[in-house]
């Protein structure tokens, strides 16, 4: 009779141990749940890192775009201009059937212009364009001290030679890199460096247009019929406008030029207008 409590106690202890132990199925389920949680945390961490990197890259691209566009805008607004040269000029290359207006020239002398009623000097010009050898870089190029006179805007061959000199490796060229984040695209679909171009676009809108002014000088268009900006003109002078519109396509992650469509691209836009008077 005195052994019954010990037997009951032993049975109860075995029952408690059985309940405390995990079966193989329970153990496998626990391991699986832990694995799923670890994978989910890993994906979340990766997403946070990618988002953080993109945000940082976008902030950098935004800063580059702001500095570049503000610098170009300031140069355009401070440009010298007259009847012979309207302060700015946009030049383009044609490759196959594609047109690339990616070169902007601004007449921006550091002091008073040498020929205020004539054409600018080489040394008074500021050129904005992608680097021909490193197309993801947007350059500002000047030739300080060069006193040669720029060709007339109608002299296509003269400007072609001048731009080749400006974009070349001449030691007189002073280059400033505004950004190295330009998107680079392939002209012919290949990855050859010669077929890559930096994605920057300039557009110049003139009021009155060069054709209108030429018609007026030829006597075939009346003074009052010229398309003056906002209709502002007088008996002897009229207001002329050179309006430059700009587009920069930047790559936030700063990846090297590839010419592929896999790049993350952010477009930035700007514009600047220059006003000056034309005389009868």
Protein backbone atom coordinates (compact mmCIF):
# COMPACT_ATOMS: atom_id res chain seq x y z
CA UNK A 1 0.00 0.00 0.00
CA UNK A 2 2.85 2.39 0.76
CA UNK A 3 4.32 2.07 -2.84
CA UNK A 4 1.27 3.46 -4.66
CA UNK A 5 2.22 7.11 -4.25
CA UNK A 6 5.68 6.46 -5.74
CA UNK A 7 4.19 4.63 -8.74
CA UNK A 8 1.73 7.48 -9.34
CA UNK A 9 4.51 10.05 -9.04
CA UNK A 10 6.68 8.17 -11.58
CA UNK A 11 3.81 7.90 -14.04
CA UNK A 12 3.02 11.60 -13.75
CA UNK A 13 6.68 12.50 -14.30
CA UNK A 14 6.85 10.40 -17.49
CA UNK A 15 3.69 12.05 -18.78
CA UNK A 16 5.15 15.51 -18.17
CA UNK A 17 8.40 14.58 -19.99
CA UNK A 18 6.44 13.25 -22.95
CA UNK A 19 4.47 16.48 -23.21
CA UNK A 20 7.66 18.60 -22.96
CA UNK A 21 9.50 16.79 -25.77
CA UNK A 22 9.12 17.84 -29.51
CA UNK A 23 8.19 15.35 -32.13
CA UNK A 24 10.15 15.20 -35.39
CA UNK A 25 7.27 16.81 -37.32
CA UNK A 26 7.08 19.71 -34.89
CA UNK A 27 10.83 20.21 -35.12
CA UNK A 28 10.74 20.29 -38.92
CA UNK A 29 7.87 22.77 -38.88
CA UNK A 30 9.79 25.05 -36.51
CA UNK A 31 12.89 24.93 -38.72
CA UNK A 32 10.79 25.71 -41.81
CA UNK A 33 9.16 28.72 -40.16
CA UNK A 34 12.53 30.04 -39.05
CA UNK A 35 13.85 29.62 -42.60
CA UNK A 36 10.91 31.54 -44.09
CA UNK A 37 11.37 34.33 -41.57
CA UNK A 38 15.10 34.53 -42.35
CA UNK A 39 14.41 34.70 -46.11
CA UNK A 40 11.80 37.41 -45.62
CA UNK A 41 14.18 39.46 -43.49
CA UNK A 42 16.91 39.02 -46.10
CA UNK A 43 14.61 40.26 -48.88
CA UNK A 44 13.50 43.20 -46.77
CA UNK A 45 17.10 44.14 -46.00
CA UNK A 46 18.02 43.92 -49.69
CA UNK A 47 15.04 46.10 -50.68
CA UNK A 48 15.98 48.70 -48.07
CA UNK A 49 19.57 48.76 -49.32
CA UNK A 50 18.50 49.12 -52.97
CA UNK A 51 16.03 51.88 -52.09
CA UNK A 52 18.65 53.71 -50.03
CA UNK A 53 21.23 53.46 -52.82
CA UNK A 54 18.75 54.73 -55.43
CA UNK A 55 17.65 57.62 -53.19
CA UNK A 56 21.27 58.61 -52.63
CA UNK A 57 22.02 58.32 -56.35
CA UNK A 58 18.93 60.36 -57.26
CA UNK A 59 19.97 63.07 -54.81
CA UNK A 60 23.41 63.21 -56.42
CA UNK A 61 21.89 63.36 -59.92
CA UNK A 62 19.54 66.13 -58.81
CA UNK A 63 22.46 68.15 -57.47
CA UNK A 64 24.46 67.66 -60.69
CA UNK A 65 21.46 68.68 -62.81
CA UNK A 66 20.77 71.77 -60.72
CA UNK A 67 24.37 72.98 -60.90
CA UNK A 68 24.65 72.27 -64.65
CA UNK A 69 21.35 73.88 -65.63
CA UNK A 70 21.89 76.92 -63.41
CA UNK A 71 25.36 77.46 -64.89
CA UNK A 72 24.07 77.25 -68.47
CA UNK A 73 21.07 79.44 -67.63
CA UNK A 74 23.26 82.14 -66.12
CA UNK A 75 25.60 82.17 -69.13
CA UNK A 76 22.66 82.52 -71.55
CA UNK A 77 21.00 85.33 -69.59
CA UNK A 78 24.28 87.26 -69.34
CA UNK A 79 25.22 86.77 -73.00
CA UNK A 80 26.07 89.55 -75.43
CA UNK A 81 23.94 89.75 -78.57
CA UNK A 82 23.31 91.81 -81.66
CA UNK A 83 21.88 91.53 -85.15
CA UNK A 84 24.86 89.50 -86.39
CA UNK A 85 24.96 87.00 -83.52
CA UNK A 86 21.89 86.53 -81.26
CA UNK A 87 23.90 85.58 -78.19
CA UNK A 88 23.44 81.82 -78.52
CA UNK A 89 23.63 79.17 -81.22
CA UNK A 90 22.75 75.46 -81.23
CA UNK A 91 24.64 73.06 -83.49
CA UNK A 92 23.83 69.44 -84.20
CA UNK A 93 25.35 66.33 -85.71
CA UNK A 94 23.44 64.05 -88.06
CA UNK A 95 24.19 60.33 -87.75
CA UNK A 96 22.29 58.11 -90.16
CA UNK A 97 18.73 59.48 -89.87
CA UNK A 98 19.19 60.78 -86.32
CA UNK A 99 19.77 64.41 -85.39
CA UNK A 100 21.68 65.30 -82.21
CA UNK A 101 21.40 69.00 -81.19
CA UNK A 102 23.81 68.57 -78.29
CA UNK A 103 26.13 71.59 -78.68
CA UNK A 104 25.29 75.04 -77.32
CA UNK A 105 27.54 78.05 -77.98
CA UNK A 106 27.06 81.22 -75.91
CA UNK A 107 28.65 84.63 -76.53
CA UNK A 108 29.73 85.38 -72.96
CA UNK A 109 32.75 87.71 -72.73
CA UNK A 110 34.29 88.21 -69.28
CA UNK A 111 34.43 91.96 -69.92
CA UNK A 112 32.79 94.20 -72.51
CA UNK A 113 32.63 92.47 -75.93
CA UNK A 114 35.43 93.36 -78.33
CA UNK A 115 33.00 93.80 -81.24
CA UNK A 116 29.64 94.76 -79.67
CA UNK A 117 28.08 95.40 -83.08
CA UNK A 118 29.90 92.60 -84.90
CA UNK A 119 30.85 88.96 -84.35
CA UNK A 120 32.29 87.44 -81.17
CA UNK A 121 35.91 86.41 -80.71
CA UNK A 122 36.87 82.79 -80.15
CA UNK A 123 37.92 83.69 -76.63
CA UNK A 124 34.48 85.14 -75.84
CA UNK A 125 32.60 81.93 -76.63
CA UNK A 126 31.47 79.36 -74.08
CA UNK A 127 30.56 75.93 -75.46
CA UNK A 128 28.48 73.27 -73.71
CA UNK A 129 28.57 69.74 -75.11
CA UNK A 130 29.25 66.10 -74.18
CA UNK A 131 32.88 65.05 -74.23
CA UNK A 132 33.46 63.32 -77.61
CA UNK A 133 35.83 60.81 -75.95
CA UNK A 134 33.93 60.34 -72.66
CA UNK A 135 30.27 60.88 -73.63
CA UNK A 136 28.88 60.58 -70.09
CA UNK A 137 30.61 63.88 -69.22
CA UNK A 138 29.01 67.27 -69.96
CA UNK A 139 31.71 69.87 -70.62
CA UNK A 140 31.96 73.63 -70.53
CA UNK A 141 34.74 74.67 -72.92
CA UNK A 142 36.38 78.07 -73.42
CA UNK A 143 39.46 79.37 -75.25
CA UNK A 144 40.73 82.29 -73.14
CA UNK A 145 42.80 84.85 -75.02
CA UNK A 146 41.99 83.63 -78.55
CA UNK A 147 41.37 86.86 -80.50
CA UNK A 148 40.28 85.34 -83.79
CA UNK A 149 36.80 86.36 -84.97
CA UNK A 150 34.10 83.70 -85.10
CA UNK A 151 32.45 83.00 -88.48
CA UNK A 152 29.02 84.29 -89.38
CA UNK A 153 26.15 82.00 -88.41
CA UNK A 154 25.47 81.29 -92.08
CA UNK A 155 29.02 79.98 -92.54
CA UNK A 156 28.37 76.29 -91.84
CA UNK A 157 31.87 75.15 -92.87
CA UNK A 158 33.50 77.83 -90.71
CA UNK A 159 31.54 76.76 -87.64
CA UNK A 160 32.26 73.11 -88.32
CA UNK A 161 35.98 73.86 -88.24
CA UNK A 162 35.65 76.01 -85.14
CA UNK A 163 33.69 73.38 -83.22
CA UNK A 164 36.20 70.71 -84.21
CA UNK A 165 38.91 72.94 -82.71
CA UNK A 166 36.88 73.60 -79.54
CA UNK A 167 36.03 69.94 -78.97
CA UNK A 168 39.51 68.74 -79.86
CA UNK A 169 42.61 68.31 -77.72
CA UNK A 170 44.11 71.74 -78.39
CA UNK A 171 45.96 72.88 -75.25
CA UNK A 172 44.31 76.32 -75.53
CA UNK A 173 40.96 74.76 -74.65
CA UNK A 174 39.94 75.16 -71.02
CA UNK A 175 37.53 72.41 -69.97
CA UNK A 176 35.26 72.16 -66.95
CA UNK A 177 33.26 68.98 -66.32
CA UNK A 178 29.75 69.93 -65.17
CA UNK A 179 28.62 66.34 -64.61
CA UNK A 180 29.81 62.80 -65.28
CA UNK A 181 26.34 61.26 -64.94
CA UNK A 182 24.99 61.78 -68.46
CA UNK A 183 23.06 58.87 -69.87
CA UNK A 184 24.89 57.33 -72.80
CA UNK A 185 22.95 55.82 -75.71
CA UNK A 186 24.07 53.87 -78.74
CA UNK A 187 23.41 55.35 -82.16
CA UNK A 188 23.53 52.09 -84.09
CA UNK A 189 22.62 49.58 -81.35
CA UNK A 190 26.20 48.40 -80.86
CA UNK A 191 28.39 48.87 -77.81
CA UNK A 192 31.28 50.41 -79.76
CA UNK A 193 32.57 53.59 -78.13
CA UNK A 194 32.43 55.46 -81.43
CA UNK A 195 28.67 54.90 -81.56
CA UNK A 196 27.91 56.22 -78.07
CA UNK A 197 26.54 59.70 -77.42
CA UNK A 198 25.74 61.62 -74.27
CA UNK A 199 22.03 62.36 -73.92
CA UNK A 200 21.78 66.14 -73.76
CA UNK A 201 19.54 68.25 -75.98
CA UNK A 202 19.41 71.98 -76.70
CA UNK A 203 16.75 73.82 -78.68
CA UNK A 204 16.90 77.47 -79.73
CA UNK A 205 13.74 79.43 -80.49
CA UNK A 206 14.19 82.90 -82.01
CA UNK A 207 11.67 85.76 -82.12
CA UNK A 208 11.88 87.16 -84.70
CA UNK A 209 13.36 84.26 -86.64
CA UNK A 210 16.47 84.62 -88.76
CA UNK A 211 14.33 84.16 -91.87
CA UNK A 212 11.98 86.97 -90.82
CA UNK A 213 14.83 89.34 -90.12
CA UNK A 214 16.45 88.48 -93.46
CA UNK A 215 13.13 89.16 -95.19
CA UNK A 216 12.86 92.51 -93.45
CA UNK A 217 16.39 93.46 -94.51
CA UNK A 218 15.56 92.38 -98.05
CA UNK A 219 12.51 94.66 -98.04
CA UNK A 220 9.92 91.90 -98.39
CA UNK A 221 8.58 92.10 -94.81
CA UNK A 222 7.30 95.26 -93.13
CA UNK A 223 8.68 96.32 -89.74
CA UNK A 224 5.28 96.06 -88.06
CA UNK A 225 4.66 92.60 -89.51
CA UNK A 226 7.70 91.05 -87.80
CA UNK A 227 6.84 88.51 -85.07
CA UNK A 228 8.10 90.59 -82.15
CA UNK A 229 8.02 88.89 -78.71
CA UNK A 230 4.74 89.91 -77.07
CA UNK A 231 4.36 92.50 -79.82
CA UNK A 232 6.96 94.79 -78.22
CA UNK A 233 8.47 97.18 -80.77
CA UNK A 234 8.72 100.89 -81.48
CA UNK A 235 9.39 103.20 -84.36
CA UNK A 236 13.15 102.59 -84.34
CA UNK A 237 13.78 99.48 -82.21
CA UNK A 238 12.16 96.14 -81.51
CA UNK A 239 12.63 93.49 -78.85
CA UNK A 240 14.33 90.25 -79.89
CA UNK A 241 14.33 87.00 -77.91
CA UNK A 242 16.72 84.05 -77.93
CA UNK A 243 15.06 81.26 -75.95
CA UNK A 244 17.13 78.17 -75.14
CA UNK A 245 15.46 74.98 -73.89
CA UNK A 246 17.59 72.24 -72.34
CA UNK A 247 17.22 68.57 -71.45
CA UNK A 248 19.73 66.47 -69.51
CA UNK A 249 19.25 62.74 -68.99
CA UNK A 250 21.24 61.60 -65.96
CA UNK A 251 21.89 58.14 -64.53
CA UNK A 252 21.41 58.20 -60.72
CA UNK A 253 23.70 55.27 -59.99
CA UNK A 254 26.55 56.79 -61.97
CA UNK A 255 27.13 53.56 -63.90
CA UNK A 256 29.76 53.60 -66.62
CA UNK A 257 28.65 54.21 -70.23
CA UNK A 258 27.03 51.13 -71.67
CA UNK A 259 24.49 52.34 -74.19
CA UNK A 260 21.96 49.84 -72.84
CA UNK A 261 18.32 50.45 -71.95
CA UNK A 262 18.85 48.87 -68.51
CA UNK A 263 20.11 52.15 -67.07
CA UNK A 264 17.88 53.97 -64.61
CA UNK A 265 17.46 57.41 -66.21
CA UNK A 266 16.06 60.65 -64.81
CA UNK A 267 15.38 63.56 -67.22
CA UNK A 268 15.90 67.15 -66.10
CA UNK A 269 14.65 70.19 -68.00
CA UNK A 270 15.50 73.88 -68.01
CA UNK A 271 15.21 77.01 -70.11
CA UNK A 272 16.69 80.49 -70.33
CA UNK A 273 15.85 83.52 -72.42
CA UNK A 274 18.00 86.39 -73.60
CA UNK A 275 16.44 89.69 -74.71
CA UNK A 276 18.11 92.38 -76.79
CA UNK A 277 17.07 95.13 -79.19
CA UNK A 278 17.17 95.23 -82.96
CA UNK A 279 17.37 98.53 -84.81
CA UNK A 280 15.72 99.56 -88.05
